[in-house]
Amino acid sequence: MSGPAVGPGKALADDAATSAAIVTPSYSGDFERCRLLCESMDRFVTGHSRHVLLVAGHDLARFRALESARRTVVDERDLLPSWLHAVRDPTSLFRRHAWLSTRLAPLRGWHVQQLRRIAIAEKLPEASLVYCDSDVVFLRPFDCGAFWRGDALRLYRRDGALSAMRGTDHMNWSINAGYALGLPPAQQSTHDYITTLIAWRRDAVLGMIARIEAEHGRHWVEAIAINRQFSECILYGRYADEVLGGAGHFHDDRELCRVYWSGPGLDEAGMRDFIAGMESFQVAVGIQSFTGTNLDPVRKLLDRA
């Protein structure tokens, strides 16, 4: 059964002080991984009212197969401005897409996935948005209510982690986040906010959007993506800490998902060893698709979990 449609200006029902929607941006290359994520969520994850998959228009039909009573697929064309268009990219022999407009240099899929994560806040009423990548598999029970401590939401932050990353993408992302938010150039953060399986306050995301548009006098997508090096996690983290002064949040540096970022593809024995290394507080693993790890060992271990 298909979930409710989301169109321009239309919000989904269900609102409560600590309600949660899980949000997953994905694309056709990760479809089977996304299917596995959905299966693991249905088995292990509670405390959320819906799971929303954010995809490009050209991937919409394929991802409809994953819809259910509480899982909805949302077309990015219902989220992003009409002046941003996905087209086949000739530089990739038309295998990939680029997002073109008259306002920005061409954007790639990883740019647009980040923008979707911000844009969905304008369509969903839940108090918290839990972001989970499509290459994640839950292996232990998890309740989304764990992100809340009273009326404060967990904000992942590694204090001072950027101090050792000067000249890297991370530092550039932080600098550009400060620009987008209209923070003084001299006010630089050394904190890292990037990890897998995080939550944002919806009201804070809406406030962040409003601030960016007020600071730049243009659509927030244009203001963020004018600098093509950006991180939505660092942007939100700096807004929560430096604009809101941490109001409505508490900090935690524990990574709830153990991620295999790089290296050779894992076989079943390698996957078992990787899972055995999970911390007691970790509830999921993330296996980056570009490692070439076959999904069969992951699926077998999920079946036995």
C-alpha atoms as a PDB file:
ATOM      1  CA  MET A   1       0.000   0.000   0.000  1.00  0.00           C
ATOM      2  CA  SER A   2       1.402   3.385  -0.940  1.00  0.00           C
ATOM      3  CA  GLY A   3       2.031   6.018   1.697  1.00  0.00           C
ATOM      4  CA  PRO A   4       0.611   9.538   1.534  1.00  0.00           C
ATOM      5  CA  ALA A   5       1.783  11.806  -1.247  1.00  0.00           C
ATOM      6  CA  VAL A   6       3.891  14.849  -0.555  1.00  0.00           C
ATOM      7  CA  GLY A   7       3.439  17.786  -2.887  1.00  0.00           C
ATOM      8  CA  PRO A   8       4.435  21.443  -2.806  1.00  0.00           C
ATOM      9  CA  GLY A   9       2.998  23.179   0.219  1.00  0.00           C
ATOM     10  CA  LYS A  10       1.524  19.958   1.626  1.00  0.00           C
ATOM     11  CA  ALA A  11       2.678  18.606   4.996  1.00  0.00           C
ATOM     12  CA  LEU A  12       2.049  15.105   6.257  1.00  0.00           C
ATOM     13  CA  ALA A  13      -0.046  14.490   9.348  1.00  0.00           C
ATOM     14  CA  ASP A  14       1.191  13.407  12.845  1.00  0.00           C
ATOM     15  CA  ASP A  15       2.715  15.880  15.249  1.00  0.00           C
ATOM     16  CA  ALA A  16       3.930  15.499  18.820  1.00  0.00           C
ATOM     17  CA  ALA A  17       6.581  17.098  21.012  1.00  0.00           C
ATOM     18  CA  THR A  18       9.100  14.290  20.472  1.00  0.00           C
ATOM     19  CA  SER A  19       7.762  12.651  17.309  1.00  0.00           C
ATOM     20  CA  ALA A  20      10.225  11.367  14.718  1.00  0.00           C
ATOM     21  CA  ALA A  21      10.387  10.743  10.989  1.00  0.00           C
ATOM     22  CA  ILE A  22      13.287   8.765   9.547  1.00  0.00           C
ATOM     23  CA  VAL A  23      14.685  10.275   6.343  1.00  0.00           C
ATOM     24  CA  THR A  24      16.851   8.471   3.785  1.00  0.00           C
ATOM     25  CA  PRO A  25      18.131  10.123   0.599  1.00  0.00           C
ATOM     26  CA  SER A  26      18.990   7.483  -2.004  1.00  0.00           C
ATOM     27  CA  TYR A  27      19.506   6.798  -5.697  1.00  0.00           C
ATOM     28  CA  SER A  28      19.204   3.882  -8.117  1.00  0.00           C
ATOM     29  CA  GLY A  29      22.773   2.656  -7.580  1.00  0.00           C
ATOM     30  CA  ASP A  30      21.958   2.034  -3.913  1.00  0.00           C
ATOM     31  CA  PHE A  31      18.518   0.519  -4.468  1.00  0.00           C
ATOM     32  CA  GLU A  32      19.317  -2.972  -3.174  1.00  0.00           C
ATOM     33  CA  ARG A  33      21.150  -1.520  -0.190  1.00  0.00           C
ATOM     34  CA  CYS A  34      18.160   0.687   0.495  1.00  0.00           C
ATOM     35  CA  ARG A  35      15.881  -2.345   0.324  1.00  0.00           C
ATOM     36  CA  LEU A  36      18.064  -4.068   2.936  1.00  0.00           C
ATOM     37  CA  LEU A  37      17.947  -0.972   5.137  1.00  0.00           C
ATOM     38  CA  CYS A  38      14.143  -0.984   4.957  1.00  0.00           C
ATOM     39  CA  GLU A  39      13.997  -4.664   5.921  1.00  0.00           C
ATOM     40  CA  SER A  40      16.297  -4.095   8.891  1.00  0.00           C
ATOM     41  CA  MET A  41      14.319  -1.034  10.018  1.00  0.00           C
ATOM     42  CA  ASP A  42      11.048  -2.947   9.873  1.00  0.00           C
ATOM     43  CA  ARG A  43      12.611  -5.543  12.138  1.00  0.00           C
ATOM     44  CA  PHE A  44      14.532  -3.434  14.631  1.00  0.00           C
ATOM     45  CA  VAL A  45      13.497   0.246  14.630  1.00  0.00           C
ATOM     46  CA  THR A  46      10.634   1.761  16.635  1.00  0.00           C
ATOM     47  CA  GLY A  47       9.601   5.196  17.871  1.00  0.00           C
ATOM     48  CA  HIS A  48       9.011   6.808  14.473  1.00  0.00           C
ATOM     49  CA  SER A  49       5.812   7.666  12.641  1.00  0.00           C
ATOM     50  CA  ARG A  50       7.132   7.205   9.100  1.00  0.00           C
ATOM     51  CA  HIS A  51      10.183   6.470   6.958  1.00  0.00           C
ATOM     52  CA  VAL A  52      10.655   8.813   3.996  1.00  0.00           C
ATOM     53  CA  LEU A  53      12.877   7.983   1.004  1.00  0.00           C
ATOM     54  CA  LEU A  54      14.085  11.022  -0.946  1.00  0.00           C
ATOM     55  CA  VAL A  55      14.941  10.327  -4.580  1.00  0.00           C
ATOM     56  CA  ALA A  56      15.308  12.089  -7.905  1.00  0.00           C
ATOM     57  CA  GLY A  57      12.393  12.043 -10.328  1.00  0.00           C
ATOM     58  CA  HIS A  58      14.175   9.607 -12.629  1.00  0.00           C
ATOM     59  CA  ASP A  59      14.458   7.081  -9.744  1.00  0.00           C
ATOM     60  CA  LEU A  60      10.919   7.503  -8.457  1.00  0.00           C
ATOM     61  CA  ALA A  61       9.266   4.535 -10.201  1.00  0.00           C
ATOM     62  CA  ARG A  62      11.887   2.063  -9.017  1.00  0.00           C
ATOM     63  CA  PHE A  63      11.739   3.131  -5.365  1.00  0.00           C
ATOM     64  CA  ARG A  64       7.935   2.960  -5.277  1.00  0.00           C
ATOM     65  CA  ALA A  65       8.429  -0.790  -4.765  1.00  0.00           C
ATOM     66  CA  LEU A  66       9.683  -0.038  -1.238  1.00  0.00           C
ATOM     67  CA  GLU A  67       6.608   1.910  -0.145  1.00  0.00           C
ATOM     68  CA  SER A  68       4.392   0.607   2.640  1.00  0.00           C
ATOM     69  CA  ALA A  69       1.869   1.893   5.161  1.00  0.00           C
ATOM     70  CA  ARG A  70       4.632   3.824   6.947  1.00  0.00           C
ATOM     71  CA  ARG A  71       7.197   4.232   4.167  1.00  0.00           C
ATOM     72  CA  THR A  72       6.807   6.933   1.519  1.00  0.00           C
ATOM     73  CA  VAL A  73       8.916   7.834  -1.500  1.00  0.00           C
ATOM     74  CA  VAL A  74       9.241  11.574  -2.134  1.00  0.00           C
ATOM     75  CA  ASP A  75      10.234  13.098  -5.463  1.00  0.00           C
ATOM     76  CA  GLU A  76      12.926  15.763  -5.120  1.00  0.00           C
ATOM     77  CA  ARG A  77      10.930  17.902  -7.569  1.00  0.00           C
ATOM     78  CA  ASP A  78       8.409  18.378  -4.751  1.00  0.00           C
ATOM     79  CA  LEU A  79      11.222  19.594  -2.475  1.00  0.00           C
ATOM     80  CA  LEU A  80      13.738  21.612  -4.458  1.00  0.00           C
ATOM     81  CA  PRO A  81      13.190  24.828  -6.443  1.00  0.00           C
ATOM     82  CA  SER A  82      11.771  24.477  -9.938  1.00  0.00           C
ATOM     83  CA  TRP A  83      14.821  26.193 -11.452  1.00  0.00           C
ATOM     84  CA  LEU A  84      17.048  23.199 -10.575  1.00  0.00           C
ATOM     85  CA  HIS A  85      16.882  20.437 -13.197  1.00  0.00           C
ATOM     86  CA  ALA A  86      18.365  16.923 -13.303  1.00  0.00           C
ATOM     87  CA  VAL A  87      19.828  16.009 -16.719  1.00  0.00           C
ATOM     88  CA  ARG A  88      21.977  13.203 -18.061  1.00  0.00           C
ATOM     89  CA  ASP A  89      25.624  14.162 -17.687  1.00  0.00           C
ATOM     90  CA  PRO A  90      27.569  13.808 -20.963  1.00  0.00           C
ATOM     91  CA  THR A  91      30.893  13.873 -19.074  1.00  0.00           C
ATOM     92  CA  SER A  92      29.947  10.479 -17.580  1.00  0.00           C
ATOM     93  CA  LEU A  93      28.817   9.130 -20.976  1.00  0.00           C
ATOM     94  CA  PHE A  94      25.267   9.800 -19.753  1.00  0.00           C
ATOM     95  CA  ARG A  95      25.507   7.166 -16.978  1.00  0.00           C
ATOM     96  CA  ARG A  96      25.070   9.750 -14.203  1.00  0.00           C
ATOM     97  CA  HIS A  97      23.079  12.933 -13.722  1.00  0.00           C
ATOM     98  CA  ALA A  98      23.992  16.543 -13.102  1.00  0.00           C
ATOM     99  CA  TRP A  99      21.687  19.224 -11.689  1.00  0.00           C
ATOM    100  CA  LEU A 100      21.691  22.394 -13.771  1.00  0.00           C
ATOM    101  CA  SER A 101      20.313  25.885 -13.353  1.00  0.00           C
ATOM    102  CA  THR A 102      21.053  29.425 -14.483  1.00  0.00           C
ATOM    103  CA  ARG A 103      21.987  30.345 -10.894  1.00  0.00           C
ATOM    104  CA  LEU A 104      24.605  27.762  -9.926  1.00  0.00           C
ATOM    105  CA  ALA A 105      27.471  25.749 -11.333  1.00  0.00           C
ATOM    106  CA  PRO A 106      26.398  22.148 -12.072  1.00  0.00           C
ATOM    107  CA  LEU A 107      25.659  20.129  -8.945  1.00  0.00           C
ATOM    108  CA  ARG A 108      26.307  16.420  -8.483  1.00  0.00           C
ATOM    109  CA  GLY A 109      24.243  13.775  -6.762  1.00  0.00           C
ATOM    110  CA  TRP A 110      26.019  14.123  -3.411  1.00  0.00           C
ATOM    111  CA  HIS A 111      25.265  17.847  -3.402  1.00  0.00           C
ATOM    112  CA  VAL A 112      21.578  17.329  -4.114  1.00  0.00           C
ATOM    113  CA  GLN A 113      21.175  14.544  -1.554  1.00  0.00           C
ATOM    114  CA  GLN A 114      22.321  16.999   1.097  1.00  0.00           C
ATOM    115  CA  LEU A 115      19.889  19.651  -0.106  1.00  0.00           C
ATOM    116  CA  ARG A 116      17.015  17.161  -0.002  1.00  0.00           C
ATOM    117  CA  ARG A 117      17.780  16.417   3.654  1.00  0.00           C
ATOM    118  CA  ILE A 118      17.297  20.084   4.491  1.00  0.00           C
ATOM    119  CA  ALA A 119      14.293  20.634   2.226  1.00  0.00           C
ATOM    120  CA  ILE A 120      12.194  17.799   3.649  1.00  0.00           C
ATOM    121  CA  ALA A 121      11.814  19.769   6.918  1.00  0.00           C
ATOM    122  CA  GLU A 122       9.357  22.037   5.100  1.00  0.00           C
ATOM    123  CA  LYS A 123       7.080  19.055   4.358  1.00  0.00           C
ATOM    124  CA  LEU A 124       7.076  16.939   7.522  1.00  0.00           C
ATOM    125  CA  PRO A 125       5.535  17.928  10.856  1.00  0.00           C
ATOM    126  CA  GLU A 126       7.478  15.579  13.144  1.00  0.00           C
ATOM    127  CA  ALA A 127       9.549  17.297  15.817  1.00  0.00           C
ATOM    128  CA  SER A 128      12.713  15.367  14.932  1.00  0.00           C
ATOM    129  CA  LEU A 129      14.123  14.211  11.615  1.00  0.00           C
ATOM    130  CA  VAL A 130      16.330  11.138  11.933  1.00  0.00           C
ATOM    131  CA  TYR A 131      18.726  10.821   9.000  1.00  0.00           C
ATOM    132  CA  CYS A 132      19.885   7.375   7.966  1.00  0.00           C
ATOM    133  CA  ASP A 133      21.880   6.664   4.805  1.00  0.00           C
ATOM    134  CA  SER A 134      20.726   3.928   2.455  1.00  0.00           C
ATOM    135  CA  ASP A 135      23.870   1.806   2.993  1.00  0.00           C
ATOM    136  CA  VAL A 136      23.047   1.301   6.694  1.00  0.00           C
ATOM    137  CA  VAL A 137      21.741  -1.958   8.176  1.00  0.00           C
ATOM    138  CA  PHE A 138      20.254  -2.115  11.671  1.00  0.00           C
ATOM    139  CA  LEU A 139      21.341  -5.165  13.647  1.00  0.00           C
ATOM    140  CA  ARG A 140      20.046  -4.266  17.106  1.00  0.00           C
ATOM    141  CA  PRO A 141      16.799  -2.794  18.437  1.00  0.00           C
ATOM    142  CA  PHE A 142      16.651   0.989  18.353  1.00  0.00           C
ATOM    143  CA  ASP A 143      13.962   3.427  19.499  1.00  0.00           C
ATOM    144  CA  CYS A 144      14.137   6.903  17.958  1.00  0.00           C
ATOM    145  CA  GLY A 145      13.018   8.302  21.298  1.00  0.00           C
ATOM    146  CA  ALA A 146      16.616   7.726  22.423  1.00  0.00           C
ATOM    147  CA  PHE A 147      17.573  10.930  20.600  1.00  0.00           C
ATOM    148  CA  TRP A 148      15.615  12.962  23.150  1.00  0.00           C
ATOM    149  CA  ARG A 149      16.632  13.972  26.660  1.00  0.00           C
ATOM    150  CA  GLY A 150      13.576  15.751  27.973  1.00  0.00           C
ATOM    151  CA  ASP A 151      12.888  18.477  25.412  1.00  0.00           C
ATOM    152  CA  ALA A 152      16.495  18.526  24.153  1.00  0.00           C
ATOM    153  CA  LEU A 153      17.568  16.597  21.049  1.00  0.00           C
ATOM    154  CA  ARG A 154      20.897  14.805  20.701  1.00  0.00           C
ATOM    155  CA  LEU A 155      23.419  16.679  18.540  1.00  0.00           C
ATOM    156  CA  TYR A 156      26.410  14.600  17.452  1.00  0.00           C
ATOM    157  CA  ARG A 157      29.602  16.630  17.952  1.00  0.00           C
ATOM    158  CA  ARG A 158      33.281  15.743  18.157  1.00  0.00           C
ATOM    159  CA  ASP A 159      34.804  18.632  20.020  1.00  0.00           C
ATOM    160  CA  GLY A 160      37.896  20.144  18.417  1.00  0.00           C
ATOM    161  CA  ALA A 161      38.147  17.429  15.770  1.00  0.00           C
ATOM    162  CA  LEU A 162      38.703  19.921  12.934  1.00  0.00           C
ATOM    163  CA  SER A 163      41.863  21.254  14.554  1.00  0.00           C
ATOM    164  CA  ALA A 164      43.792  18.409  12.938  1.00  0.00           C
ATOM    165  CA  MET A 165      42.007  18.842   9.582  1.00  0.00           C
ATOM    166  CA  ARG A 166      43.170  22.260   8.436  1.00  0.00           C
ATOM    167  CA  GLY A 167      43.297  22.495   4.661  1.00  0.00           C
ATOM    168  CA  THR A 168      40.920  19.553   4.282  1.00  0.00           C
ATOM    169  CA  ASP A 169      37.393  19.352   2.906  1.00  0.00           C
ATOM    170  CA  HIS A 170      36.042  19.290   6.453  1.00  0.00           C
ATOM    171  CA  MET A 171      37.554  22.662   7.252  1.00  0.00           C
ATOM    172  CA  ASN A 172      36.312  24.132   3.975  1.00  0.00           C
ATOM    173  CA  TRP A 173      32.828  22.813   4.733  1.00  0.00           C
ATOM    174  CA  SER A 174      32.924  24.530   8.119  1.00  0.00           C
ATOM    175  CA  ILE A 175      34.119  27.826   6.633  1.00  0.00           C
ATOM    176  CA  ASN A 176      31.376  27.749   3.998  1.00  0.00           C
ATOM    177  CA  ALA A 177      28.771  26.904   6.640  1.00  0.00           C
ATOM    178  CA  GLY A 178      29.791  30.044   8.486  1.00  0.00           C
ATOM    179  CA  TYR A 179      29.392  32.057   5.281  1.00  0.00           C
ATOM    180  CA  ALA A 180      25.931  30.607   4.589  1.00  0.00           C
ATOM    181  CA  LEU A 181      24.814  31.404   8.135  1.00  0.00           C
ATOM    182  CA  GLY A 182      26.182  34.951   8.016  1.00  0.00           C
ATOM    183  CA  LEU A 183      28.609  34.338  10.878  1.00  0.00           C
ATOM    184  CA  PRO A 184      31.662  36.622  11.230  1.00  0.00           C
ATOM    185  CA  PRO A 185      34.580  35.229   9.151  1.00  0.00           C
ATOM    186  CA  ALA A 186      36.808  35.312  12.213  1.00  0.00           C
ATOM    187  CA  GLN A 187      34.367  33.061  14.050  1.00  0.00           C
ATOM    188  CA  GLN A 188      35.575  29.610  13.093  1.00  0.00           C
ATOM    189  CA  SER A 189      34.472  26.323  14.597  1.00  0.00           C
ATOM    190  CA  THR A 190      36.753  23.367  15.286  1.00  0.00           C
ATOM    191  CA  HIS A 191      33.938  20.891  15.915  1.00  0.00           C
ATOM    192  CA  ASP A 192      32.963  18.049  13.598  1.00  0.00           C
ATOM    193  CA  TYR A 193      29.265  17.170  13.285  1.00  0.00           C
ATOM    194  CA  ILE A 194      29.446  14.524  10.556  1.00  0.00           C
ATOM    195  CA  THR A 195      28.413  10.956  11.189  1.00  0.00           C
ATOM    196  CA  THR A 196      25.847   8.392  10.104  1.00  0.00           C
ATOM    197  CA  LEU A 197      22.521   8.079  11.940  1.00  0.00           C
ATOM    198  CA  ILE A 198      21.815  11.533  13.379  1.00  0.00           C
ATOM    199  CA  ALA A 199      18.777  13.614  14.304  1.00  0.00           C
ATOM    200  CA  TRP A 200      17.874  17.268  13.742  1.00  0.00           C
ATOM    201  CA  ARG A 201      15.093  19.361  15.224  1.00  0.00           C
ATOM    202  CA  ARG A 202      12.617  20.294  12.507  1.00  0.00           C
ATOM    203  CA  ASP A 203      12.015  23.721  14.048  1.00  0.00           C
ATOM    204  CA  ALA A 204      15.760  24.363  14.021  1.00  0.00           C
ATOM    205  CA  VAL A 205      16.043  23.380  10.345  1.00  0.00           C
ATOM    206  CA  LEU A 206      13.248  25.797   9.469  1.00  0.00           C
ATOM    207  CA  GLY A 207      14.945  28.523  11.487  1.00  0.00           C
ATOM    208  CA  MET A 208      18.227  27.792   9.700  1.00  0.00           C
ATOM    209  CA  ILE A 209      16.539  28.091   6.296  1.00  0.00           C
ATOM    210  CA  ALA A 210      14.945  31.401   7.283  1.00  0.00           C
ATOM    211  CA  ARG A 211      18.243  32.799   8.554  1.00  0.00           C
ATOM    212  CA  ILE A 212      20.139  31.843   5.397  1.00  0.00           C
ATOM    213  CA  GLU A 213      17.535  33.476   3.170  1.00  0.00           C
ATOM    214  CA  ALA A 214      17.458  36.612   5.327  1.00  0.00           C
ATOM    215  CA  GLU A 215      21.252  36.883   5.304  1.00  0.00           C
ATOM    216  CA  HIS A 216      21.627  36.466   1.531  1.00  0.00           C
ATOM    217  CA  GLY A 217      18.346  37.685   0.069  1.00  0.00           C
ATOM    218  CA  ARG A 218      18.049  34.615  -2.140  1.00  0.00           C
ATOM    219  CA  HIS A 219      16.694  31.075  -2.011  1.00  0.00           C
ATOM    220  CA  TRP A 220      18.516  29.021   0.617  1.00  0.00           C
ATOM    221  CA  VAL A 221      19.532  26.384  -1.953  1.00  0.00           C
ATOM    222  CA  GLU A 222      21.325  29.031  -3.984  1.00  0.00           C
ATOM    223  CA  ALA A 223      22.984  30.549  -0.909  1.00  0.00           C
ATOM    224  CA  ILE A 224      24.339  27.183   0.278  1.00  0.00           C
ATOM    225  CA  ALA A 225      25.305  25.657  -3.059  1.00  0.00           C
ATOM    226  CA  ILE A 226      27.022  28.771  -4.460  1.00  0.00           C
ATOM    227  CA  ASN A 227      30.024  27.330  -2.614  1.00  0.00           C
ATOM    228  CA  ARG A 228      30.005  23.768  -3.933  1.00  0.00           C
ATOM    229  CA  GLN A 229      31.977  22.511  -0.942  1.00  0.00           C
ATOM    230  CA  PHE A 230      29.386  22.199   1.795  1.00  0.00           C
ATOM    231  CA  SER A 231      28.219  19.760   4.433  1.00  0.00           C
ATOM    232  CA  GLU A 232      24.652  19.793   5.649  1.00  0.00           C
ATOM    233  CA  CYS A 233      25.725  18.218   8.958  1.00  0.00           C
ATOM    234  CA  ILE A 234      28.282  20.937   9.694  1.00  0.00           C
ATOM    235  CA  LEU A 235      25.834  23.606   8.552  1.00  0.00           C
ATOM    236  CA  TYR A 236      23.172  22.389  10.973  1.00  0.00           C
ATOM    237  CA  GLY A 237      25.689  21.857  13.773  1.00  0.00           C
ATOM    238  CA  ARG A 238      27.066  25.379  13.525  1.00  0.00           C
ATOM    239  CA  TYR A 239      23.546  26.799  13.379  1.00  0.00           C
ATOM    240  CA  ALA A 240      22.489  24.851  16.485  1.00  0.00           C
ATOM    241  CA  ASP A 241      25.595  25.783  18.449  1.00  0.00           C
ATOM    242  CA  GLU A 242      26.496  29.259  17.249  1.00  0.00           C
ATOM    243  CA  VAL A 243      23.157  30.780  16.290  1.00  0.00           C
ATOM    244  CA  LEU A 244      20.884  29.017  18.766  1.00  0.00           C
ATOM    245  CA  GLY A 245      23.576  28.825  21.426  1.00  0.00           C
ATOM    246  CA  GLY A 246      22.863  25.109  21.809  1.00  0.00           C
ATOM    247  CA  ALA A 247      19.241  25.720  22.850  1.00  0.00           C
ATOM    248  CA  GLY A 248      17.112  22.599  22.436  1.00  0.00           C
ATOM    249  CA  HIS A 249      20.123  20.300  22.035  1.00  0.00           C
ATOM    250  CA  PHE A 250      22.613  18.266  24.040  1.00  0.00           C
ATOM    251  CA  HIS A 251      25.967  17.015  22.737  1.00  0.00           C
ATOM    252  CA  ASP A 252      27.087  13.411  22.326  1.00  0.00           C
ATOM    253  CA  ASP A 253      30.160  12.129  20.471  1.00  0.00           C
ATOM    254  CA  ARG A 254      29.204   8.450  20.322  1.00  0.00           C
ATOM    255  CA  GLU A 255      28.683   7.097  16.797  1.00  0.00           C
ATOM    256  CA  LEU A 256      25.538   4.971  16.789  1.00  0.00           C
ATOM    257  CA  CYS A 257      26.477   3.307  13.501  1.00  0.00           C
ATOM    258  CA  ARG A 258      29.805   1.587  12.844  1.00  0.00           C
ATOM    259  CA  VAL A 259      30.851   2.452   9.289  1.00  0.00           C
ATOM    260  CA  TYR A 260      33.218   0.638   6.955  1.00  0.00           C
ATOM    261  CA  TRP A 261      34.443   3.645   5.003  1.00  0.00           C
ATOM    262  CA  SER A 262      37.116   2.159   2.718  1.00  0.00           C
ATOM    263  CA  GLY A 263      39.107  -0.938   1.916  1.00  0.00           C
ATOM    264  CA  PRO A 264      38.494  -4.182   0.042  1.00  0.00           C
ATOM    265  CA  GLY A 265      35.043  -5.685  -0.157  1.00  0.00           C
ATOM    266  CA  LEU A 266      34.136  -7.723   2.919  1.00  0.00           C
ATOM    267  CA  ASP A 267      33.318 -11.415   2.638  1.00  0.00           C
ATOM    268  CA  GLU A 268      31.154 -13.168   5.228  1.00  0.00           C
ATOM    269  CA  ALA A 269      34.055 -13.727   7.633  1.00  0.00           C
ATOM    270  CA  GLY A 270      35.184 -10.129   7.244  1.00  0.00           C
ATOM    271  CA  MET A 271      31.638  -8.934   7.848  1.00  0.00           C
ATOM    272  CA  ARG A 272      31.378 -11.035  11.022  1.00  0.00           C
ATOM    273  CA  ASP A 273      34.632  -9.565  12.295  1.00  0.00           C
ATOM    274  CA  PHE A 274      33.479  -6.038  11.504  1.00  0.00           C
ATOM    275  CA  ILE A 275      30.180  -6.554  13.304  1.00  0.00           C
ATOM    276  CA  ALA A 276      31.971  -8.115  16.266  1.00  0.00           C
ATOM    277  CA  GLY A 277      33.785  -4.793  16.643  1.00  0.00           C
ATOM    278  CA  MET A 278      30.566  -2.858  17.274  1.00  0.00           C
ATOM    279  CA  GLU A 279      30.462  -0.916  20.539  1.00  0.00           C
ATOM    280  CA  SER A 280      27.713  -1.763  23.018  1.00  0.00           C
ATOM    281  CA  PHE A 281      25.857   1.472  22.154  1.00  0.00           C
ATOM    282  CA  GLN A 282      26.028   0.946  18.392  1.00  0.00           C
ATOM    283  CA  VAL A 283      22.871  -0.360  16.726  1.00  0.00           C
ATOM    284  CA  ALA A 284      23.751  -0.486  13.033  1.00  0.00           C
ATOM    285  CA  VAL A 285      26.555  -0.886  10.535  1.00  0.00           C
ATOM    286  CA  GLY A 286      27.168   1.095   7.379  1.00  0.00           C
ATOM    287  CA  ILE A 287      29.053  -0.487   4.488  1.00  0.00           C
ATOM    288  CA  GLN A 288      30.025   2.099   1.902  1.00  0.00           C
ATOM    289  CA  SER A 289      28.919   0.950  -1.527  1.00  0.00           C
ATOM    290  CA  PHE A 290      32.167   1.987  -3.195  1.00  0.00           C
ATOM    291  CA  THR A 291      34.058  -0.706  -1.212  1.00  0.00           C
ATOM    292  CA  GLY A 292      32.411  -3.244  -3.499  1.00  0.00           C
ATOM    293  CA  THR A 293      31.125  -5.369  -0.610  1.00  0.00           C
ATOM    294  CA  ASN A 294      28.572  -7.916  -1.794  1.00  0.00           C
ATOM    295  CA  LEU A 295      25.203  -7.666  -0.066  1.00  0.00           C
ATOM    296  CA  ASP A 296      24.762 -11.424   0.424  1.00  0.00           C
ATOM    297  CA  PRO A 297      26.961 -11.675   3.557  1.00  0.00           C
ATOM    298  CA  VAL A 298      25.158  -8.661   5.033  1.00  0.00           C
ATOM    299  CA  ARG A 299      21.751 -10.195   4.327  1.00  0.00           C
ATOM    300  CA  LYS A 300      22.774 -13.555   5.820  1.00  0.00           C
ATOM    301  CA  LEU A 301      23.989 -11.905   8.998  1.00  0.00           C
ATOM    302  CA  LEU A 302      20.819  -9.836   9.235  1.00  0.00           C
ATOM    303  CA  ASP A 303      18.755 -13.025   8.941  1.00  0.00           C
ATOM    304  CA  ARG A 304      20.727 -14.488  11.850  1.00  0.00           C
ATOM    305  CA  ALA A 305      20.687 -11.343  14.000  1.00  0.00           C
END
